[in-house]
Amino acid sequence: MAVEIADIVPVRGNTMDAVAIISLSRATYNKMVQNLALSTGYNVVAIPLAVGALYGIGILLSPAVGALFMSLSTVIVAINARFLSMDAGSEEADE
């Protein structure tokens, strides 16, 4: 029952595992904030272009290009998320 209630369960009995888990959770949260900023930044720029906000000066994003950019945005966020393990390991080495 204690395992189901506990937030962290040390499997090997090493209390330093809790420090590593907290470090990983912080790195995960930071990566989530980065990905949110990336996707929000993309949407703030691309959606007005696709709607035609700058059509008066000759800038209009076609739906096909918009779809391509949306896919590219997803790939960039996924690649950024893949760097989490490397970032978390380097933070541990720095401390």
PDB file of N, CA and C in Angstrom:
ATOM      1  N   MET A   1       0.821  -1.175   0.000  1.00  0.00           N
ATOM      2  CA  MET A   1       0.000   0.000   0.000  1.00  0.00           C
ATOM      3  C   MET A   1       0.879   1.259   0.000  1.00  0.00           C
ATOM      4  N   ALA A   2       1.998   1.218   0.673  1.00  0.00           N
ATOM      5  CA  ALA A   2       2.879   2.386   0.740  1.00  0.00           C
ATOM      6  C   ALA A   2       3.409   2.750  -0.642  1.00  0.00           C
ATOM      7  N   VAL A   3       3.665   1.755  -1.479  1.00  0.00           N
ATOM      8  CA  VAL A   3       4.186   2.011  -2.819  1.00  0.00           C
ATOM      9  C   VAL A   3       3.144   2.762  -3.651  1.00  0.00           C
ATOM     10  N   GLU A   4       1.873   2.448  -3.472  1.00  0.00           N
ATOM     11  CA  GLU A   4       0.826   3.113  -4.237  1.00  0.00           C
ATOM     12  C   GLU A   4       0.620   4.550  -3.779  1.00  0.00           C
ATOM     13  N   ILE A   5       0.886   4.843  -2.529  1.00  0.00           N
ATOM     14  CA  ILE A   5       0.655   6.171  -1.981  1.00  0.00           C
ATOM     15  C   ILE A   5       1.860   7.089  -2.186  1.00  0.00           C
ATOM     16  N   ALA A   6       3.051   6.529  -2.178  1.00  0.00           N
ATOM     17  CA  ALA A   6       4.280   7.325  -2.221  1.00  0.00           C
ATOM     18  C   ALA A   6       4.453   8.025  -3.569  1.00  0.00           C
ATOM     19  N   ASP A   7       5.041   9.220  -3.533  1.00  0.00           N
ATOM     20  CA  ASP A   7       5.373   9.939  -4.755  1.00  0.00           C
ATOM     21  C   ASP A   7       6.656   9.393  -5.384  1.00  0.00           C
ATOM     22  N   ILE A   8       7.613   9.020  -4.546  1.00  0.00           N
ATOM     23  CA  ILE A   8       8.885   8.462  -5.004  1.00  0.00           C
ATOM     24  C   ILE A   8       9.144   7.179  -4.232  1.00  0.00           C
ATOM     25  N   VAL A   9       9.457   6.107  -4.964  1.00  0.00           N
ATOM     26  CA  VAL A   9       9.761   4.827  -4.332  1.00  0.00           C
ATOM     27  C   VAL A   9      11.172   4.416  -4.740  1.00  0.00           C
ATOM     28  N   PRO A  10      12.138   4.455  -3.806  1.00  0.00           N
ATOM     29  CA  PRO A  10      13.494   4.032  -4.155  1.00  0.00           C
ATOM     30  C   PRO A  10      13.540   2.515  -4.335  1.00  0.00           C
ATOM     31  N   VAL A  11      13.885   2.094  -5.536  1.00  0.00           N
ATOM     32  CA  VAL A  11      13.897   0.666  -5.846  1.00  0.00           C
ATOM     33  C   VAL A  11      15.169   0.007  -5.322  1.00  0.00           C
ATOM     34  N   ARG A  12      16.297   0.683  -5.476  1.00  0.00           N
ATOM     35  CA  ARG A  12      17.569   0.106  -5.074  1.00  0.00           C
ATOM     36  C   ARG A  12      17.960   0.487  -3.648  1.00  0.00           C
ATOM     37  N   GLY A  13      17.154   1.298  -2.988  1.00  0.00           N
ATOM     38  CA  GLY A  13      17.481   1.700  -1.631  1.00  0.00           C
ATOM     39  C   GLY A  13      18.461   2.850  -1.557  1.00  0.00           C
ATOM     40  N   ASN A  14      18.804   3.443  -2.671  1.00  0.00           N
ATOM     41  CA  ASN A  14      19.740   4.553  -2.710  1.00  0.00           C
ATOM     42  C   ASN A  14      18.950   5.854  -2.620  1.00  0.00           C
ATOM     43  N   THR A  15      19.185   6.637  -1.568  1.00  0.00           N
ATOM     44  CA  THR A  15      18.438   7.880  -1.396  1.00  0.00           C
ATOM     45  C   THR A  15      18.829   8.941  -2.415  1.00  0.00           C
ATOM     46  N   MET A  16      19.982   8.809  -3.044  1.00  0.00           N
ATOM     47  CA  MET A  16      20.396   9.766  -4.070  1.00  0.00           C
ATOM     48  C   MET A  16      19.536   9.638  -5.329  1.00  0.00           C
ATOM     49  N   ASP A  17      18.826   8.531  -5.467  1.00  0.00           N
ATOM     50  CA  ASP A  17      17.901   8.387  -6.586  1.00  0.00           C
ATOM     51  C   ASP A  17      16.803   9.441  -6.514  1.00  0.00           C
ATOM     52  N   ALA A  18      16.398   9.814  -5.312  1.00  0.00           N
ATOM     53  CA  ALA A  18      15.372  10.847  -5.157  1.00  0.00           C
ATOM     54  C   ALA A  18      15.874  12.179  -5.702  1.00  0.00           C
ATOM     55  N   VAL A  19      17.142  12.480  -5.477  1.00  0.00           N
ATOM     56  CA  VAL A  19      17.728  13.716  -6.006  1.00  0.00           C
ATOM     57  C   VAL A  19      17.730  13.682  -7.530  1.00  0.00           C
ATOM     58  N   ALA A  20      18.070  12.532  -8.091  1.00  0.00           N
ATOM     59  CA  ALA A  20      18.081  12.397  -9.549  1.00  0.00           C
ATOM     60  C   ALA A  20      16.670  12.527 -10.118  1.00  0.00           C
ATOM     61  N   ILE A  21      15.691  11.989  -9.426  1.00  0.00           N
ATOM     62  CA  ILE A  21      14.302  12.084  -9.889  1.00  0.00           C
ATOM     63  C   ILE A  21      13.833  13.532  -9.858  1.00  0.00           C
ATOM     64  N   ILE A  22      14.172  14.250  -8.805  1.00  0.00           N
ATOM     65  CA  ILE A  22      13.779  15.658  -8.711  1.00  0.00           C
ATOM     66  C   ILE A  22      14.466  16.465  -9.809  1.00  0.00           C
ATOM     67  N   SER A  23      15.731  16.173 -10.068  1.00  0.00           N
ATOM     68  CA  SER A  23      16.462  16.862 -11.136  1.00  0.00           C
ATOM     69  C   SER A  23      15.814  16.580 -12.498  1.00  0.00           C
ATOM     70  N   LEU A  24      15.445  15.328 -12.733  1.00  0.00           N
ATOM     71  CA  LEU A  24      14.797  14.963 -13.991  1.00  0.00           C
ATOM     72  C   LEU A  24      13.431  15.620 -14.118  1.00  0.00           C
ATOM     73  N   SER A  25      12.693  15.703 -13.021  1.00  0.00           N
ATOM     74  CA  SER A  25      11.372  16.335 -13.094  1.00  0.00           C
ATOM     75  C   SER A  25      11.498  17.823 -13.389  1.00  0.00           C
ATOM     76  N   ARG A  26      12.500  18.485 -12.834  1.00  0.00           N
ATOM     77  CA  ARG A  26      12.726  19.900 -13.140  1.00  0.00           C
ATOM     78  C   ARG A  26      13.114  20.089 -14.603  1.00  0.00           C
ATOM     79  N   ALA A  27      13.983  19.213 -15.095  1.00  0.00           N
ATOM     80  CA  ALA A  27      14.392  19.295 -16.501  1.00  0.00           C
ATOM     81  C   ALA A  27      13.198  19.040 -17.421  1.00  0.00           C
ATOM     82  N   THR A  28      12.323  18.107 -17.035  1.00  0.00           N
ATOM     83  CA  THR A  28      11.126  17.815 -17.827  1.00  0.00           C
ATOM     84  C   THR A  28      10.198  19.023 -17.862  1.00  0.00           C
ATOM     85  N   TYR A  29      10.010  19.653 -16.713  1.00  0.00           N
ATOM     86  CA  TYR A  29       9.155  20.838 -16.660  1.00  0.00           C
ATOM     87  C   TYR A  29       9.728  21.956 -17.532  1.00  0.00           C
ATOM     88  N   ASN A  30      11.032  22.182 -17.435  1.00  0.00           N
ATOM     89  CA  ASN A  30      11.663  23.221 -18.256  1.00  0.00           C
ATOM     90  C   ASN A  30      11.520  22.928 -19.743  1.00  0.00           C
ATOM     91  N   LYS A  31      11.631  21.652 -20.110  1.00  0.00           N
ATOM     92  CA  LYS A  31      11.479  21.262 -21.509  1.00  0.00           C
ATOM     93  C   LYS A  31      10.038  21.478 -21.974  1.00  0.00           C
ATOM     94  N   MET A  32       9.074  21.214 -21.092  1.00  0.00           N
ATOM     95  CA  MET A  32       7.672  21.460 -21.438  1.00  0.00           C
ATOM     96  C   MET A  32       7.430  22.950 -21.676  1.00  0.00           C
ATOM     97  N   VAL A  33       8.029  23.803 -20.864  1.00  0.00           N
ATOM     98  CA  VAL A  33       7.886  25.250 -21.033  1.00  0.00           C
ATOM     99  C   VAL A  33       8.519  25.683 -22.355  1.00  0.00           C
ATOM    100  N   GLN A  34       9.695  25.130 -22.683  1.00  0.00           N
ATOM    101  CA  GLN A  34      10.343  25.451 -23.958  1.00  0.00           C
ATOM    102  C   GLN A  34       9.458  25.061 -25.129  1.00  0.00           C
ATOM    103  N   ASN A  35       8.903  23.851 -25.087  1.00  0.00           N
ATOM    104  CA  ASN A  35       8.062  23.382 -26.182  1.00  0.00           C
ATOM    105  C   ASN A  35       6.789  24.214 -26.299  1.00  0.00           C
ATOM    106  N   LEU A  36       6.228  24.618 -25.175  1.00  0.00           N
ATOM    107  CA  LEU A  36       5.049  25.472 -25.203  1.00  0.00           C
ATOM    108  C   LEU A  36       5.387  26.824 -25.833  1.00  0.00           C
ATOM    109  N   ALA A  37       6.543  27.372 -25.482  1.00  0.00           N
ATOM    110  CA  ALA A  37       6.963  28.646 -26.058  1.00  0.00           C
ATOM    111  C   ALA A  37       7.206  28.513 -27.563  1.00  0.00           C
ATOM    112  N   LEU A  38       7.826  27.420 -27.984  1.00  0.00           N
ATOM    113  CA  LEU A  38       8.067  27.203 -29.414  1.00  0.00           C
ATOM    114  C   LEU A  38       6.760  27.109 -30.193  1.00  0.00           C
ATOM    115  N   SER A  39       5.826  26.312 -29.689  1.00  0.00           N
ATOM    116  CA  SER A  39       4.574  26.131 -30.427  1.00  0.00           C
ATOM    117  C   SER A  39       3.719  27.398 -30.381  1.00  0.00           C
ATOM    118  N   THR A  40       3.737  28.110 -29.264  1.00  0.00           N
ATOM    119  CA  THR A  40       2.979  29.356 -29.179  1.00  0.00           C
ATOM    120  C   THR A  40       3.575  30.404 -30.108  1.00  0.00           C
ATOM    121  N   GLY A  41       4.897  30.491 -30.131  1.00  0.00           N
ATOM    122  CA  GLY A  41       5.559  31.435 -31.034  1.00  0.00           C
ATOM    123  C   GLY A  41       5.218  31.163 -32.486  1.00  0.00           C
ATOM    124  N   TYR A  42       5.201  29.892 -32.849  1.00  0.00           N
ATOM    125  CA  TYR A  42       4.836  29.529 -34.215  1.00  0.00           C
ATOM    126  C   TYR A  42       3.411  29.978 -34.524  1.00  0.00           C
ATOM    127  N   ASN A  43       2.491  29.684 -33.622  1.00  0.00           N
ATOM    128  CA  ASN A  43       1.086  30.010 -33.870  1.00  0.00           C
ATOM    129  C   ASN A  43       0.842  31.515 -33.896  1.00  0.00           C
ATOM    130  N   VAL A  44       1.576  32.262 -33.087  1.00  0.00           N
ATOM    131  CA  VAL A  44       1.415  33.722 -33.067  1.00  0.00           C
ATOM    132  C   VAL A  44       1.850  34.325 -34.409  1.00  0.00           C
ATOM    133  N   VAL A  45       2.835  33.704 -35.055  1.00  0.00           N
ATOM    134  CA  VAL A  45       3.328  34.219 -36.331  1.00  0.00           C
ATOM    135  C   VAL A  45       2.554  33.634 -37.510  1.00  0.00           C
ATOM    136  N   ALA A  46       2.371  32.321 -37.537  1.00  0.00           N
ATOM    137  CA  ALA A  46       1.846  31.646 -38.722  1.00  0.00           C
ATOM    138  C   ALA A  46       0.338  31.815 -38.913  1.00  0.00           C
ATOM    139  N   ILE A  47      -0.432  31.806 -37.846  1.00  0.00           N
ATOM    140  CA  ILE A  47      -1.886  31.891 -38.009  1.00  0.00           C
ATOM    141  C   ILE A  47      -2.310  33.233 -38.607  1.00  0.00           C
ATOM    142  N   PRO A  48      -1.796  34.366 -38.105  1.00  0.00           N
ATOM    143  CA  PRO A  48      -2.175  35.628 -38.767  1.00  0.00           C
ATOM    144  C   PRO A  48      -1.740  35.683 -40.241  1.00  0.00           C
ATOM    145  N   LEU A  49      -0.595  35.085 -40.571  1.00  0.00           N
ATOM    146  CA  LEU A  49      -0.156  35.061 -41.971  1.00  0.00           C
ATOM    147  C   LEU A  49      -1.099  34.213 -42.814  1.00  0.00           C
ATOM    148  N   ALA A  50      -1.547  33.090 -42.279  1.00  0.00           N
ATOM    149  CA  ALA A  50      -2.444  32.211 -43.019  1.00  0.00           C
ATOM    150  C   ALA A  50      -3.821  32.855 -43.193  1.00  0.00           C
ATOM    151  N   VAL A  51      -4.244  33.631 -42.219  1.00  0.00           N
ATOM    152  CA  VAL A  51      -5.549  34.288 -42.290  1.00  0.00           C
ATOM    153  C   VAL A  51      -5.509  35.463 -43.262  1.00  0.00           C
ATOM    154  N   GLY A  52      -4.339  36.021 -43.475  1.00  0.00           N
ATOM    155  CA  GLY A  52      -4.207  37.126 -44.409  1.00  0.00           C
ATOM    156  C   GLY A  52      -4.041  38.469 -43.738  1.00  0.00           C
ATOM    157  N   ALA A  53      -3.514  38.487 -42.538  1.00  0.00           N
ATOM    158  CA  ALA A  53      -3.333  39.743 -41.808  1.00  0.00           C
ATOM    159  C   ALA A  53      -2.404  40.707 -42.551  1.00  0.00           C
ATOM    160  N   LEU A  54      -1.452  40.183 -43.297  1.00  0.00           N
ATOM    161  CA  LEU A  54      -0.521  41.028 -44.046  1.00  0.00           C
ATOM    162  C   LEU A  54      -0.789  40.989 -45.551  1.00  0.00           C
ATOM    163  N   TYR A  55      -2.025  40.648 -45.921  1.00  0.00           N
ATOM    164  CA  TYR A  55      -2.381  40.548 -47.338  1.00  0.00           C
ATOM    165  C   TYR A  55      -2.253  41.907 -48.038  1.00  0.00           C
ATOM    166  N   GLY A  56      -2.477  42.979 -47.291  1.00  0.00           N
ATOM    167  CA  GLY A  56      -2.395  44.325 -47.867  1.00  0.00           C
ATOM    168  C   GLY A  56      -1.021  44.658 -48.403  1.00  0.00           C
ATOM    169  N   ILE A  57       0.023  44.065 -47.836  1.00  0.00           N
ATOM    170  CA  ILE A  57       1.382  44.329 -48.336  1.00  0.00           C
ATOM    171  C   ILE A  57       1.926  43.153 -49.151  1.00  0.00           C
ATOM    172  N   GLY A  58       1.024  42.233 -49.507  1.00  0.00           N
ATOM    173  CA  GLY A  58       1.388  41.147 -50.413  1.00  0.00           C
ATOM    174  C   GLY A  58       1.901  39.877 -49.760  1.00  0.00           C
ATOM    175  N   ILE A  59       1.716  39.732 -48.445  1.00  0.00           N
ATOM    176  CA  ILE A  59       2.173  38.518 -47.768  1.00  0.00           C
ATOM    177  C   ILE A  59       0.962  37.682 -47.392  1.00  0.00           C
ATOM    178  N   LEU A  60       0.883  36.500 -47.975  1.00  0.00           N
ATOM    179  CA  LEU A  60      -0.199  35.569 -47.674  1.00  0.00           C
ATOM    180  C   LEU A  60       0.380  34.157 -47.666  1.00  0.00           C
ATOM    181  N   LEU A  61       0.100  33.430 -46.622  1.00  0.00           N
ATOM    182  CA  LEU A  61       0.601  32.067 -46.481  1.00  0.00           C
ATOM    183  C   LEU A  61      -0.441  31.112 -47.046  1.00  0.00           C
ATOM    184  N   SER A  62      -0.058  30.322 -48.042  1.00  0.00           N
ATOM    185  CA  SER A  62      -1.020  29.379 -48.623  1.00  0.00           C
ATOM    186  C   SER A  62      -1.306  28.257 -47.629  1.00  0.00           C
ATOM    187  N   PRO A  63      -2.474  27.624 -47.737  1.00  0.00           N
ATOM    188  CA  PRO A  63      -2.803  26.529 -46.817  1.00  0.00           C
ATOM    189  C   PRO A  63      -1.796  25.375 -46.867  1.00  0.00           C
ATOM    190  N   ALA A  64      -1.250  25.100 -48.048  1.00  0.00           N
ATOM    191  CA  ALA A  64      -0.271  24.018 -48.169  1.00  0.00           C
ATOM    192  C   ALA A  64       1.007  24.351 -47.403  1.00  0.00           C
ATOM    193  N   VAL A  65       1.460  25.580 -47.515  1.00  0.00           N
ATOM    194  CA  VAL A  65       2.661  25.998 -46.800  1.00  0.00           C
ATOM    195  C   VAL A  65       2.377  26.043 -45.299  1.00  0.00           C
ATOM    196  N   GLY A  66       1.176  26.478 -44.930  1.00  0.00           N
ATOM    197  CA  GLY A  66       0.778  26.483 -43.521  1.00  0.00           C
ATOM    198  C   GLY A  66       0.788  25.082 -42.927  1.00  0.00           C
ATOM    199  N   ALA A  67       0.295  24.118 -43.681  1.00  0.00           N
ATOM    200  CA  ALA A  67       0.310  22.725 -43.222  1.00  0.00           C
ATOM    201  C   ALA A  67       1.737  22.208 -43.102  1.00  0.00           C
ATOM    202  N   LEU A  68       2.586  22.584 -44.036  1.00  0.00           N
ATOM    203  CA  LEU A  68       3.992  22.185 -43.984  1.00  0.00           C
ATOM    204  C   LEU A  68       4.674  22.778 -42.755  1.00  0.00           C
ATOM    205  N   PHE A  69       4.419  24.053 -42.491  1.00  0.00           N
ATOM    206  CA  PHE A  69       5.002  24.694 -41.309  1.00  0.00           C
ATOM    207  C   PHE A  69       4.474  24.079 -40.016  1.00  0.00           C
ATOM    208  N   MET A  70       3.188  23.698 -40.002  1.00  0.00           N
ATOM    209  CA  MET A  70       2.617  23.077 -38.808  1.00  0.00           C
ATOM    210  C   MET A  70       3.295  21.728 -38.558  1.00  0.00           C
ATOM    211  N   SER A  71       3.524  20.965 -39.606  1.00  0.00           N
ATOM    212  CA  SER A  71       4.234  19.693 -39.460  1.00  0.00           C
ATOM    213  C   SER A  71       5.666  19.926 -38.994  1.00  0.00           C
ATOM    214  N   LEU A  72       6.307  20.915 -39.557  1.00  0.00           N
ATOM    215  CA  LEU A  72       7.673  21.252 -39.165  1.00  0.00           C
ATOM    216  C   LEU A  72       7.725  21.681 -37.698  1.00  0.00           C
ATOM    217  N   SER A  73       6.714  22.420 -37.265  1.00  0.00           N
ATOM    218  CA  SER A  73       6.640  22.834 -35.866  1.00  0.00           C
ATOM    219  C   SER A  73       6.553  21.622 -34.949  1.00  0.00           C
ATOM    220  N   THR A  74       5.753  20.646 -35.337  1.00  0.00           N
ATOM    221  CA  THR A  74       5.623  19.420 -34.545  1.00  0.00           C
ATOM    222  C   THR A  74       6.944  18.674 -34.477  1.00  0.00           C
ATOM    223  N   VAL A  75       7.646  18.604 -35.593  1.00  0.00           N
ATOM    224  CA  VAL A  75       8.940  17.920 -35.632  1.00  0.00           C
ATOM    225  C   VAL A  75       9.957  18.648 -34.749  1.00  0.00           C
ATOM    226  N   ILE A  76       9.960  19.977 -34.793  1.00  0.00           N
ATOM    227  CA  ILE A  76      10.897  20.746 -33.972  1.00  0.00           C
ATOM    228  C   ILE A  76      10.634  20.524 -32.495  1.00  0.00           C
ATOM    229  N   VAL A  77       9.361  20.518 -32.096  1.00  0.00           N
ATOM    230  CA  VAL A  77       9.012  20.279 -30.693  1.00  0.00           C
ATOM    231  C   VAL A  77       9.420  18.866 -30.280  1.00  0.00           C
ATOM    232  N   ALA A  78       9.214  17.881 -31.156  1.00  0.00           N
ATOM    233  CA  ALA A  78       9.595  16.505 -30.843  1.00  0.00           C
ATOM    234  C   ALA A  78      11.113  16.361 -30.720  1.00  0.00           C
ATOM    235  N   ILE A  79      11.854  17.017 -31.598  1.00  0.00           N
ATOM    236  CA  ILE A  79      13.317  16.967 -31.513  1.00  0.00           C
ATOM    237  C   ILE A  79      13.794  17.644 -30.239  1.00  0.00           C
ATOM    238  N   ASN A  80      13.186  18.763 -29.885  1.00  0.00           N
ATOM    239  CA  ASN A  80      13.540  19.451 -28.652  1.00  0.00           C
ATOM    240  C   ASN A  80      13.272  18.552 -27.441  1.00  0.00           C
ATOM    241  N   ALA A  81      12.188  17.822 -27.472  1.00  0.00           N
ATOM    242  CA  ALA A  81      11.875  16.911 -26.367  1.00  0.00           C
ATOM    243  C   ALA A  81      12.889  15.777 -26.271  1.00  0.00           C
ATOM    244  N   ARG A  82      13.417  15.338 -27.405  1.00  0.00           N
ATOM    245  CA  ARG A  82      14.414  14.261 -27.403  1.00  0.00           C
ATOM    246  C   ARG A  82      15.718  14.680 -26.721  1.00  0.00           C
ATOM    247  N   PHE A  83      16.001  15.961 -26.672  1.00  0.00           N
ATOM    248  CA  PHE A  83      17.214  16.448 -26.020  1.00  0.00           C
ATOM    249  C   PHE A  83      17.102  16.445 -24.499  1.00  0.00           C
ATOM    250  N   LEU A  84      15.955  16.052 -23.975  1.00  0.00           N
ATOM    251  CA  LEU A  84      15.748  16.059 -22.528  1.00  0.00           C
ATOM    252  C   LEU A  84      16.756  15.179 -21.811  1.00  0.00           C
ATOM    253  N   SER A  85      16.992  13.965 -22.272  1.00  0.00           N
ATOM    254  CA  SER A  85      17.908  13.061 -21.572  1.00  0.00           C
ATOM    255  C   SER A  85      19.323  13.622 -21.552  1.00  0.00           C
ATOM    256  N   MET A  86      19.732  14.263 -22.629  1.00  0.00           N
ATOM    257  CA  MET A  86      21.066  14.846 -22.660  1.00  0.00           C
ATOM    258  C   MET A  86      21.148  16.053 -21.730  1.00  0.00           C
ATOM    259  N   ASP A  87      20.108  16.894 -21.709  1.00  0.00           N
ATOM    260  CA  ASP A  87      20.083  18.068 -20.844  1.00  0.00           C
ATOM    261  C   ASP A  87      20.082  17.663 -19.371  1.00  0.00           C
ATOM    262  N   ALA A  88      19.271  16.672 -19.015  1.00  0.00           N
ATOM    263  CA  ALA A  88      19.181  16.236 -17.620  1.00  0.00           C
ATOM    264  C   ALA A  88      20.519  15.661 -17.148  1.00  0.00           C
ATOM    265  N   GLY A  89      21.206  14.932 -18.029  1.00  0.00           N
ATOM    266  CA  GLY A  89      22.490  14.363 -17.661  1.00  0.00           C
ATOM    267  C   GLY A  89      23.548  15.426 -17.462  1.00  0.00           C
ATOM    268  N   SER A  90      23.517  16.483 -18.283  1.00  0.00           N
ATOM    269  CA  SER A  90      24.514  17.537 -18.146  1.00  0.00           C
ATOM    270  C   SER A  90      24.263  18.378 -16.913  1.00  0.00           C
ATOM    271  N   GLU A  91      22.990  18.543 -16.507  1.00  0.00           N
ATOM    272  CA  GLU A  91      22.685  19.276 -15.284  1.00  0.00           C
ATOM    273  C   GLU A  91      23.218  18.524 -14.065  1.00  0.00           C
ATOM    274  N   GLU A  92      23.076  17.194 -14.084  1.00  0.00           N
ATOM    275  CA  GLU A  92      23.570  16.391 -12.987  1.00  0.00           C
ATOM    276  C   GLU A  92      25.090  16.485 -12.887  1.00  0.00           C
ATOM    277  N   ALA A  93      25.765  16.530 -14.024  1.00  0.00           N
ATOM    278  CA  ALA A  93      27.221  16.601 -14.023  1.00  0.00           C
ATOM    279  C   ALA A  93      27.688  17.976 -13.523  1.00  0.00           C
ATOM    280  N   ASP A  94      26.879  19.018 -13.790  1.00  0.00           N
ATOM    281  CA  ASP A  94      27.250  20.368 -13.364  1.00  0.00           C
ATOM    282  C   ASP A  94      27.166  20.534 -11.857  1.00  0.00           C
ATOM    283  N   GLU A  95      26.264  19.808 -11.208  1.00  0.00           N
ATOM    284  CA  GLU A  95      26.065  19.981  -9.759  1.00  0.00           C
ATOM    285  C   GLU A  95      27.053  19.258  -8.960  1.00  0.00           C
TER     286      GLU A  95
END
